[in-house]
Amino acid sequence: MAKGAAAGGEKMPIKMLNDRILVKLEGPDGERKSSGGILIPATAQVGKRLAWAQVVALGPSVRSMETEDRVLFNPEDRYEVEVGGRDYIILRERDIHAVAAKRLDDSHTGLYL
């Protein structure tokens, strides 16, 4: 579970509710690298580009993913939150377009990331 900071500076646990998912963007501030190794800043505008993030916490109604999975989502469909000095994103399960995890190796989709 994710940990947050209370008003008095003490830590408290956070429990996600319903179909909500807490994720952190990969790389510093959502930066990404091209296949040639060029660093692309998060502020670069690239049409309707989807983003990858890592699942940190899940609500009890989420069935399609687990913590530590990578998920693909539209950066425009998100709510940002700061927990313990770190920025996270809250998504709904229906806003996730794909899940990437080693445990899915048996699905035989033919696609590998």
C-alpha atoms as a PDB file:
ATOM      1  CA  MET A   1       0.000   0.000   0.000  1.00  0.00           C
ATOM      2  CA  ALA A   2       1.074   3.545  -0.592  1.00  0.00           C
ATOM      3  CA  LYS A   3       1.996   5.674   2.386  1.00  0.00           C
ATOM      4  CA  GLY A   4       1.049   9.319   2.751  1.00  0.00           C
ATOM      5  CA  ALA A   5       1.942  12.175   5.044  1.00  0.00           C
ATOM      6  CA  ALA A   6      -0.578  13.477   7.550  1.00  0.00           C
ATOM      7  CA  ALA A   7      -0.931  17.158   8.411  1.00  0.00           C
ATOM      8  CA  GLY A   8       1.238  16.700  11.509  1.00  0.00           C
ATOM      9  CA  GLY A   9       4.078  15.113   9.516  1.00  0.00           C
ATOM     10  CA  GLU A  10       3.259  11.558  10.622  1.00  0.00           C
ATOM     11  CA  LYS A  11       2.772   8.829   8.007  1.00  0.00           C
ATOM     12  CA  MET A  12      -0.570   7.145   7.429  1.00  0.00           C
ATOM     13  CA  PRO A  13      -1.548   4.283   5.101  1.00  0.00           C
ATOM     14  CA  ILE A  14      -3.662   4.954   2.015  1.00  0.00           C
ATOM     15  CA  LYS A  15      -6.279   2.500   0.777  1.00  0.00           C
ATOM     16  CA  MET A  16      -7.573   2.950  -2.762  1.00  0.00           C
ATOM     17  CA  LEU A  17     -11.344   2.550  -3.123  1.00  0.00           C
ATOM     18  CA  ASN A  18     -13.571   0.923  -5.748  1.00  0.00           C
ATOM     19  CA  ASP A  19     -11.943   0.714  -9.204  1.00  0.00           C
ATOM     20  CA  ARG A  20      -9.253   3.349  -8.547  1.00  0.00           C
ATOM     21  CA  ILE A  21      -5.575   2.745  -9.331  1.00  0.00           C
ATOM     22  CA  LEU A  22      -2.603   4.721  -7.988  1.00  0.00           C
ATOM     23  CA  VAL A  23       0.317   4.817 -10.446  1.00  0.00           C
ATOM     24  CA  LYS A  24       3.660   6.557 -10.775  1.00  0.00           C
ATOM     25  CA  LEU A  25       4.995   7.708 -14.121  1.00  0.00           C
ATOM     26  CA  GLU A  26       8.099   5.999 -15.426  1.00  0.00           C
ATOM     27  CA  GLY A  27      11.223   8.121 -15.596  1.00  0.00           C
ATOM     28  CA  PRO A  28      11.701  11.550 -14.071  1.00  0.00           C
ATOM     29  CA  ASP A  29       8.575  13.674 -14.545  1.00  0.00           C
ATOM     30  CA  GLY A  30       7.260  11.442 -17.336  1.00  0.00           C
ATOM     31  CA  GLU A  31      10.290  11.816 -19.596  1.00  0.00           C
ATOM     32  CA  ARG A  32      10.839   9.062 -22.149  1.00  0.00           C
ATOM     33  CA  LYS A  33      13.578   7.929 -24.526  1.00  0.00           C
ATOM     34  CA  SER A  34      13.301   7.286 -28.231  1.00  0.00           C
ATOM     35  CA  SER A  35      14.540   3.999 -29.700  1.00  0.00           C
ATOM     36  CA  GLY A  36      17.730   5.862 -30.674  1.00  0.00           C
ATOM     37  CA  GLY A  37      18.348   6.947 -27.078  1.00  0.00           C
ATOM     38  CA  ILE A  38      17.214  10.572 -27.423  1.00  0.00           C
ATOM     39  CA  LEU A  39      15.595  11.914 -24.239  1.00  0.00           C
ATOM     40  CA  ILE A  40      12.127  13.375 -24.933  1.00  0.00           C
ATOM     41  CA  PRO A  41      10.912  15.766 -22.180  1.00  0.00           C
ATOM     42  CA  ALA A  42       7.450  15.343 -20.663  1.00  0.00           C
ATOM     43  CA  THR A  43       6.501  18.806 -21.960  1.00  0.00           C
ATOM     44  CA  ALA A  44       6.939  17.786 -25.616  1.00  0.00           C
ATOM     45  CA  GLN A  45       3.614  17.767 -27.428  1.00  0.00           C
ATOM     46  CA  VAL A  46       3.103  14.572 -29.404  1.00  0.00           C
ATOM     47  CA  GLY A  47      -0.533  14.349 -30.534  1.00  0.00           C
ATOM     48  CA  LYS A  48      -2.639  11.761 -28.733  1.00  0.00           C
ATOM     49  CA  ARG A  49       0.271   9.794 -27.264  1.00  0.00           C
ATOM     50  CA  LEU A  50      -0.444   7.257 -24.521  1.00  0.00           C
ATOM     51  CA  ALA A  51       1.881   6.932 -21.506  1.00  0.00           C
ATOM     52  CA  TRP A  52       3.218   4.036 -19.415  1.00  0.00           C
ATOM     53  CA  ALA A  53       3.149   4.022 -15.608  1.00  0.00           C
ATOM     54  CA  GLN A  54       3.750   1.527 -12.792  1.00  0.00           C
ATOM     55  CA  VAL A  55       0.890   0.446 -10.509  1.00  0.00           C
ATOM     56  CA  VAL A  56       1.529   1.328  -6.856  1.00  0.00           C
ATOM     57  CA  ALA A  57      -1.858   0.590  -5.215  1.00  0.00           C
ATOM     58  CA  LEU A  58      -5.232  -0.813  -6.278  1.00  0.00           C
ATOM     59  CA  GLY A  59      -8.814  -0.538  -5.104  1.00  0.00           C
ATOM     60  CA  PRO A  60     -10.711  -3.729  -4.184  1.00  0.00           C
ATOM     61  CA  SER A  61     -12.790  -3.755  -7.403  1.00  0.00           C
ATOM     62  CA  VAL A  62      -9.766  -3.809  -9.765  1.00  0.00           C
ATOM     63  CA  ARG A  63      -9.500  -7.246 -11.400  1.00  0.00           C
ATOM     64  CA  SER A  64      -7.245  -6.844 -14.458  1.00  0.00           C
ATOM     65  CA  MET A  65      -3.946  -5.854 -12.869  1.00  0.00           C
ATOM     66  CA  GLU A  66      -1.719  -6.150  -9.817  1.00  0.00           C
ATOM     67  CA  THR A  67       0.775  -3.857  -8.098  1.00  0.00           C
ATOM     68  CA  GLU A  68       4.105  -3.521  -9.944  1.00  0.00           C
ATOM     69  CA  ASP A  69       2.371  -4.040 -13.346  1.00  0.00           C
ATOM     70  CA  ARG A  70       2.979  -1.487 -16.102  1.00  0.00           C
ATOM     71  CA  VAL A  71      -0.169   0.107 -17.511  1.00  0.00           C
ATOM     72  CA  LEU A  72      -0.837   2.139 -20.642  1.00  0.00           C
ATOM     73  CA  PHE A  73      -3.194   5.117 -20.298  1.00  0.00           C
ATOM     74  CA  ASN A  74      -4.150   8.450 -21.855  1.00  0.00           C
ATOM     75  CA  PRO A  75      -2.355  11.239 -19.930  1.00  0.00           C
ATOM     76  CA  GLU A  76      -5.403  13.493 -20.398  1.00  0.00           C
ATOM     77  CA  ASP A  77      -7.637  11.092 -18.369  1.00  0.00           C
ATOM     78  CA  ARG A  78      -5.969  11.491 -14.992  1.00  0.00           C
ATOM     79  CA  TYR A  79      -5.981  13.116 -11.584  1.00  0.00           C
ATOM     80  CA  GLU A  80      -2.647  14.042 -10.033  1.00  0.00           C
ATOM     81  CA  VAL A  81      -1.954  13.800  -6.309  1.00  0.00           C
ATOM     82  CA  GLU A  82       1.098  14.332  -4.104  1.00  0.00           C
ATOM     83  CA  VAL A  83       1.697  11.698  -1.432  1.00  0.00           C
ATOM     84  CA  GLY A  84       4.698  11.913   0.869  1.00  0.00           C
ATOM     85  CA  GLY A  85       6.426  14.446  -1.388  1.00  0.00           C
ATOM     86  CA  ARG A  86       6.072  12.297  -4.546  1.00  0.00           C
ATOM     87  CA  ASP A  87       3.670  12.840  -7.421  1.00  0.00           C
ATOM     88  CA  TYR A  88       1.258  10.048  -8.349  1.00  0.00           C
ATOM     89  CA  ILE A  89      -1.681   9.695 -10.708  1.00  0.00           C
ATOM     90  CA  ILE A  90      -5.104   8.267  -9.876  1.00  0.00           C
ATOM     91  CA  LEU A  91      -6.886   6.415 -12.684  1.00  0.00           C
ATOM     92  CA  ARG A  92      -9.996   4.270 -13.049  1.00  0.00           C
ATOM     93  CA  GLU A  93      -9.646   0.713 -14.297  1.00  0.00           C
ATOM     94  CA  ARG A  94     -11.682   1.574 -17.387  1.00  0.00           C
ATOM     95  CA  ASP A  95      -9.114   4.266 -18.316  1.00  0.00           C
ATOM     96  CA  ILE A  96      -6.358   1.646 -18.724  1.00  0.00           C
ATOM     97  CA  HIS A  97      -5.716   0.571 -22.339  1.00  0.00           C
ATOM     98  CA  ALA A  98      -3.188  -2.233 -21.721  1.00  0.00           C
ATOM     99  CA  VAL A  99      -1.332  -4.070 -18.954  1.00  0.00           C
ATOM    100  CA  ALA A 100       2.254  -5.352 -19.239  1.00  0.00           C
ATOM    101  CA  ALA A 101       3.505  -7.894 -16.689  1.00  0.00           C
ATOM    102  CA  LYS A 102       5.740 -10.993 -16.688  1.00  0.00           C
ATOM    103  CA  ARG A 103       2.864 -13.048 -15.235  1.00  0.00           C
ATOM    104  CA  LEU A 104       0.970 -12.551 -18.526  1.00  0.00           C
ATOM    105  CA  ASP A 105       3.517 -14.611 -20.519  1.00  0.00           C
ATOM    106  CA  ASP A 106       0.964 -17.400 -21.082  1.00  0.00           C
ATOM    107  CA  SER A 107      -1.481 -15.178 -22.976  1.00  0.00           C
ATOM    108  CA  HIS A 108       0.298 -15.720 -26.366  1.00  0.00           C
ATOM    109  CA  THR A 109      -0.676 -12.361 -27.884  1.00  0.00           C
ATOM    110  CA  GLY A 110       2.485 -12.194 -29.963  1.00  0.00           C
ATOM    111  CA  LEU A 111       3.346  -8.729 -28.598  1.00  0.00           C
ATOM    112  CA  TYR A 112       6.281  -8.126 -26.271  1.00  0.00           C
ATOM    113  CA  LEU A 113       7.471  -4.924 -24.598  1.00  0.00           C
END
